[in-house]
N, C-alpha and C. Protein backbone atom coordinates (compact mmCIF):
# COMPACT_ATOMS: atom_id res chain seq x y z
N MET A 1 -19.43 -5.29 -23.38
CA MET A 1 -19.34 -5.55 -22.01
C MET A 1 -18.77 -4.13 -21.62
N ILE A 2 -19.33 -3.83 -20.55
CA ILE A 2 -18.93 -2.39 -19.63
C ILE A 2 -18.28 -2.73 -18.62
N VAL A 3 -16.90 -2.32 -18.68
CA VAL A 3 -15.99 -3.01 -17.66
C VAL A 3 -16.41 -1.61 -16.42
N SER A 4 -16.72 -2.85 -15.00
CA SER A 4 -16.94 -1.81 -13.73
C SER A 4 -15.44 -1.54 -13.13
N ASP A 5 -15.53 -0.63 -12.33
CA ASP A 5 -14.27 -0.36 -11.24
C ASP A 5 -14.15 -1.46 -9.88
N LYS A 6 -15.92 -2.59 -10.04
CA LYS A 6 -15.94 -3.09 -8.70
C LYS A 6 -15.08 -4.58 -9.26
N ASP A 7 -14.85 -4.45 -10.59
CA ASP A 7 -14.16 -5.83 -10.98
C ASP A 7 -13.00 -6.00 -10.20
N PRO A 8 -12.45 -6.77 -9.45
CA PRO A 8 -11.79 -7.34 -8.46
C PRO A 8 -10.38 -6.88 -9.34
N HIS A 9 -10.19 -7.63 -10.16
CA HIS A 9 -8.97 -7.27 -11.23
C HIS A 9 -8.57 -5.88 -11.69
N LEU A 10 -9.61 -5.13 -12.12
CA LEU A 10 -9.58 -3.54 -12.57
C LEU A 10 -9.45 -3.20 -11.18
N ALA A 11 -9.84 -3.49 -10.41
CA ALA A 11 -9.77 -2.51 -8.48
C ALA A 11 -7.99 -2.94 -8.34
N GLY A 12 -7.36 -4.10 -9.07
CA GLY A 12 -5.79 -4.34 -8.50
C GLY A 12 -5.03 -3.09 -9.24
N LEU A 13 -5.61 -3.15 -10.51
CA LEU A 13 -4.71 -2.31 -11.24
C LEU A 13 -5.17 -1.16 -10.99
N ILE A 14 -5.98 -0.48 -11.10
CA ILE A 14 -6.13 0.73 -10.28
C ILE A 14 -5.79 1.04 -8.90
N TYR A 15 -5.57 0.25 -8.41
CA TYR A 15 -4.62 0.68 -7.05
C TYR A 15 -3.07 0.74 -7.36
N PHE A 16 -2.56 -0.26 -8.08
CA PHE A 16 -0.87 0.23 -8.97
C PHE A 16 -1.20 1.14 -9.50
N ILE A 17 -1.53 1.68 -9.62
CA ILE A 17 -1.85 2.78 -10.74
C ILE A 17 -1.64 4.03 -10.00
N ASP A 18 -2.67 4.24 -8.90
CA ASP A 18 -2.64 5.06 -8.45
C ASP A 18 -1.80 5.28 -7.07
N ARG A 19 -1.31 3.79 -6.61
CA ARG A 19 -0.15 3.65 -5.49
C ARG A 19 1.58 3.73 -6.12
N ALA A 20 1.46 4.19 -7.77
CA ALA A 20 2.67 3.41 -8.44
C ALA A 20 4.42 5.03 -7.42
N LYS A 21 3.63 5.87 -7.10
CA LYS A 21 5.15 6.45 -6.77
C LYS A 21 5.44 5.86 -5.13
N GLU A 22 4.11 5.33 -4.22
CA GLU A 22 4.33 4.81 -3.00
C GLU A 22 4.88 3.63 -3.20
N ILE A 23 4.65 2.42 -4.48
CA ILE A 23 5.45 1.10 -4.65
C ILE A 23 6.86 1.85 -5.46
N ALA A 24 7.46 2.82 -5.71
CA ALA A 24 8.57 2.94 -6.06
C ALA A 24 9.67 3.07 -5.11
N VAL A 25 8.88 3.81 -4.18
CA VAL A 25 9.50 4.37 -3.14
C VAL A 25 9.98 2.84 -2.31
N PHE A 26 9.25 1.97 -2.13
CA PHE A 26 9.33 1.23 -1.37
C PHE A 26 10.38 0.06 -1.66
N THR A 27 9.88 -0.02 -3.58
CA THR A 27 11.10 -0.89 -4.18
C THR A 27 12.59 -0.12 -3.87
N ASN A 28 12.48 1.08 -3.81
CA ASN A 28 13.76 1.72 -3.94
C ASN A 28 14.67 1.23 -2.36
N THR A 29 13.62 1.44 -1.37
CA THR A 29 13.99 0.99 -0.19
C THR A 29 14.30 -0.37 0.62
N VAL A 30 13.61 -1.18 -0.30
CA VAL A 30 14.43 -2.67 -0.41
C VAL A 30 15.68 -2.35 -1.01
N PHE A 31 16.06 -2.42 -2.46
CA PHE A 31 16.96 -2.51 -3.31
C PHE A 31 17.95 -1.12 -2.44
N ASP A 32 17.75 -0.39 -1.53
CA ASP A 32 18.76 0.45 -0.75
C ASP A 32 19.75 -1.06 -0.02
N SER A 33 18.18 -1.63 1.27
CA SER A 33 18.80 -2.33 1.69
C SER A 33 19.56 -3.47 1.77
N ILE A 34 19.00 -3.54 -0.01
CA ILE A 34 19.86 -4.73 -0.15
C ILE A 34 21.46 -4.29 -0.64
N ALA A 35 21.80 -3.03 -0.57
CA ALA A 35 22.92 -2.52 -0.89
C ALA A 35 23.84 -2.42 0.02
N GLU A 36 23.10 -1.75 1.32
CA GLU A 36 23.99 -1.85 2.55
C GLU A 36 23.85 -3.06 3.42
N ILE A 37 23.84 -4.46 2.95
CA ILE A 37 23.68 -5.45 3.53
C ILE A 37 24.84 -5.64 2.66
N ALA A 38 25.02 -5.50 1.25
CA ALA A 38 25.93 -6.08 0.52
C ALA A 38 27.71 -5.30 1.16
N ALA A 39 26.97 -3.85 1.94
CA ALA A 39 27.90 -3.52 2.30
C ALA A 39 28.63 -3.33 3.56
N GLY A 40 27.85 -4.25 4.19
CA GLY A 40 28.00 -4.92 5.32
C GLY A 40 27.47 -3.92 6.58
N ASN A 41 26.42 -2.88 6.20
CA ASN A 41 25.94 -2.09 6.56
C ASN A 41 24.66 -2.77 7.77
N LEU A 42 24.29 -3.59 8.54
CA LEU A 42 23.77 -4.01 8.87
C LEU A 42 22.45 -3.02 9.17
N LYS A 43 22.99 -2.21 10.51
CA LYS A 43 22.37 -1.44 11.03
C LYS A 43 21.62 -0.19 10.47
N LYS A 44 21.99 -0.33 9.24
CA LYS A 44 21.39 0.52 8.23
C LYS A 44 20.73 0.05 7.82
N ALA A 45 20.79 -1.13 7.54
CA ALA A 45 19.93 -2.59 6.30
C ALA A 45 18.65 -2.80 7.34
N ILE A 46 18.55 -2.76 8.77
CA ILE A 46 17.99 -3.13 9.73
C ILE A 46 16.88 -1.91 9.19
N LEU A 47 17.71 -0.68 9.84
CA LEU A 47 16.20 0.36 9.59
C LEU A 47 15.79 0.82 8.15
N TYR A 48 16.44 0.66 7.34
CA TYR A 48 15.73 0.40 6.13
C TYR A 48 14.11 -0.52 5.99
N VAL A 49 14.67 -1.97 6.75
CA VAL A 49 13.83 -2.97 6.31
C VAL A 49 12.63 -2.52 7.25
N GLU A 50 12.95 -2.07 9.00
CA GLU A 50 12.18 -1.42 9.41
C GLU A 50 10.98 -0.48 9.15
N ASN A 51 11.77 0.40 8.37
CA ASN A 51 11.12 1.61 7.76
C ASN A 51 10.16 1.11 6.79
N SER A 52 10.73 0.48 5.93
CA SER A 52 9.93 -0.09 4.29
C SER A 52 8.39 -0.64 5.11
N LEU A 53 8.60 -1.78 6.13
CA LEU A 53 7.77 -2.26 6.27
C LEU A 53 6.64 -1.92 7.17
N ALA A 54 6.90 -0.65 7.98
CA ALA A 54 6.11 0.17 8.83
C ALA A 54 4.99 0.75 7.83
N ARG A 55 5.60 1.44 6.62
CA ARG A 55 5.22 1.70 5.57
C ARG A 55 4.83 1.50 4.83
N ALA A 56 4.65 0.08 4.57
CA ALA A 56 4.03 -0.66 3.79
C ALA A 56 2.76 -1.23 4.22
N ILE A 57 2.04 -1.39 5.31
CA ILE A 57 1.01 -1.94 6.57
C ILE A 57 0.06 -1.06 5.94
N CYS A 58 -0.08 0.22 5.30
CA CYS A 58 -1.41 0.94 5.21
C CYS A 58 -1.69 0.13 3.67
N PRO A 59 -0.87 0.65 2.76
CA PRO A 59 -1.49 0.62 1.23
C PRO A 59 -1.23 -0.97 1.76
N ALA A 60 -1.10 -1.99 2.23
CA ALA A 60 -1.36 -3.54 1.93
C ALA A 60 -2.67 -3.64 2.44
N ILE A 61 -3.45 -3.15 3.55
CA ILE A 61 -4.82 -3.47 3.98
C ILE A 61 -5.53 -2.80 2.71
N SER A 62 -4.93 -1.63 2.51
CA SER A 62 -5.81 -0.76 1.92
C SER A 62 -6.06 -1.69 0.75
N PHE A 63 -4.90 -1.87 -0.51
CA PHE A 63 -5.02 -3.26 -1.11
C PHE A 63 -6.20 -4.10 -1.21
N LEU A 64 -5.49 -4.96 -0.03
CA LEU A 64 -6.87 -6.10 0.48
C LEU A 64 -7.94 -5.58 0.71
N ALA A 65 -8.20 -4.61 1.45
CA ALA A 65 -9.51 -3.82 1.23
C ALA A 65 -10.03 -3.54 -0.16
N ASN A 66 -9.97 -2.77 -1.32
CA ASN A 66 -9.51 -2.92 -2.35
C ASN A 66 -10.28 -4.49 -2.91
N MET A 67 -9.42 -4.98 -3.05
CA MET A 67 -9.62 -6.50 -3.91
C MET A 67 -10.84 -6.96 -3.29
N THR A 68 -11.40 -6.62 -2.04
CA THR A 68 -12.38 -7.87 -1.40
C THR A 68 -13.48 -6.68 -1.60
N GLY A 69 -13.64 -5.49 -2.41
CA GLY A 69 -14.69 -4.63 -2.31
C GLY A 69 -15.23 -4.10 -1.41
N ILE A 70 -14.36 -3.76 -0.70
CA ILE A 70 -14.40 -2.90 0.54
C ILE A 70 -13.77 -1.22 1.01
N GLY A 71 -12.68 -1.94 0.35
CA GLY A 71 -12.21 -0.15 -0.40
C GLY A 71 -13.06 0.79 0.34
N GLY A 72 -12.48 2.08 0.77
CA GLY A 72 -13.11 3.58 0.89
C GLY A 72 -13.99 3.20 2.13
N ILE A 73 -13.65 1.97 2.94
CA ILE A 73 -14.72 1.78 4.22
C ILE A 73 -14.62 2.98 4.96
N VAL A 74 -13.24 3.40 5.39
CA VAL A 74 -13.48 3.93 6.19
C VAL A 74 -13.80 5.41 6.06
N ALA A 75 -14.30 6.00 4.58
CA ALA A 75 -14.86 7.14 4.04
C ALA A 75 -16.38 7.25 4.41
N LYS A 76 -16.83 5.60 4.53
CA LYS A 76 -18.36 5.73 4.82
C LYS A 76 -18.46 5.50 6.25
N ILE A 77 -17.49 5.19 7.00
CA ILE A 77 -18.18 4.91 8.40
C ILE A 77 -17.78 6.17 8.75
N LYS A 78 -16.64 7.09 8.14
CA LYS A 78 -17.02 8.64 9.07
C LYS A 78 -18.60 9.18 8.67
N ASP A 79 -18.70 8.94 6.69
CA ASP A 79 -20.33 9.47 6.65
C ASP A 79 -21.42 8.98 8.03
N VAL A 80 -21.18 7.96 8.34
CA VAL A 80 -22.48 7.22 9.01
C VAL A 80 -22.25 8.01 10.49
N ILE A 81 -20.98 8.16 11.31
CA ILE A 81 -20.56 8.36 12.32
C ILE A 81 -20.84 10.34 12.35
N ASN A 82 -20.42 10.87 11.00
CA ASN A 82 -21.17 12.23 11.15
C ASN A 82 -22.21 12.61 11.10
N LYS A 83 -23.25 11.70 10.74
CA LYS A 83 -24.73 11.84 10.25
C LYS A 83 -25.81 11.61 11.19
N TYR A 84 -24.59 10.73 12.45
CA TYR A 84 -25.82 10.68 13.90
C TYR A 84 -25.02 11.26 14.90
N VAL A 85 -23.91 12.02 14.76
CA VAL A 85 -23.26 12.91 15.49
C VAL A 85 -23.53 14.00 15.61
């Protein structure tokens, strides 16, 4: 059996491999915010959490799109627009 990149499990694995650096940065930011909370620096911790969540929105949407088989939808929409404009 040939493994297809349309397989949702494989798509998820490929997504995480492609985004490993972003995931590592997000994870480090979470740990940094925990350290700031432990040190009593709540304002700094709040900024870490806010920035982490803001950066996580696009990758989360991208992951969900890939898992549902609509990954690359932006490129497809651009192609359609460019074709008719």
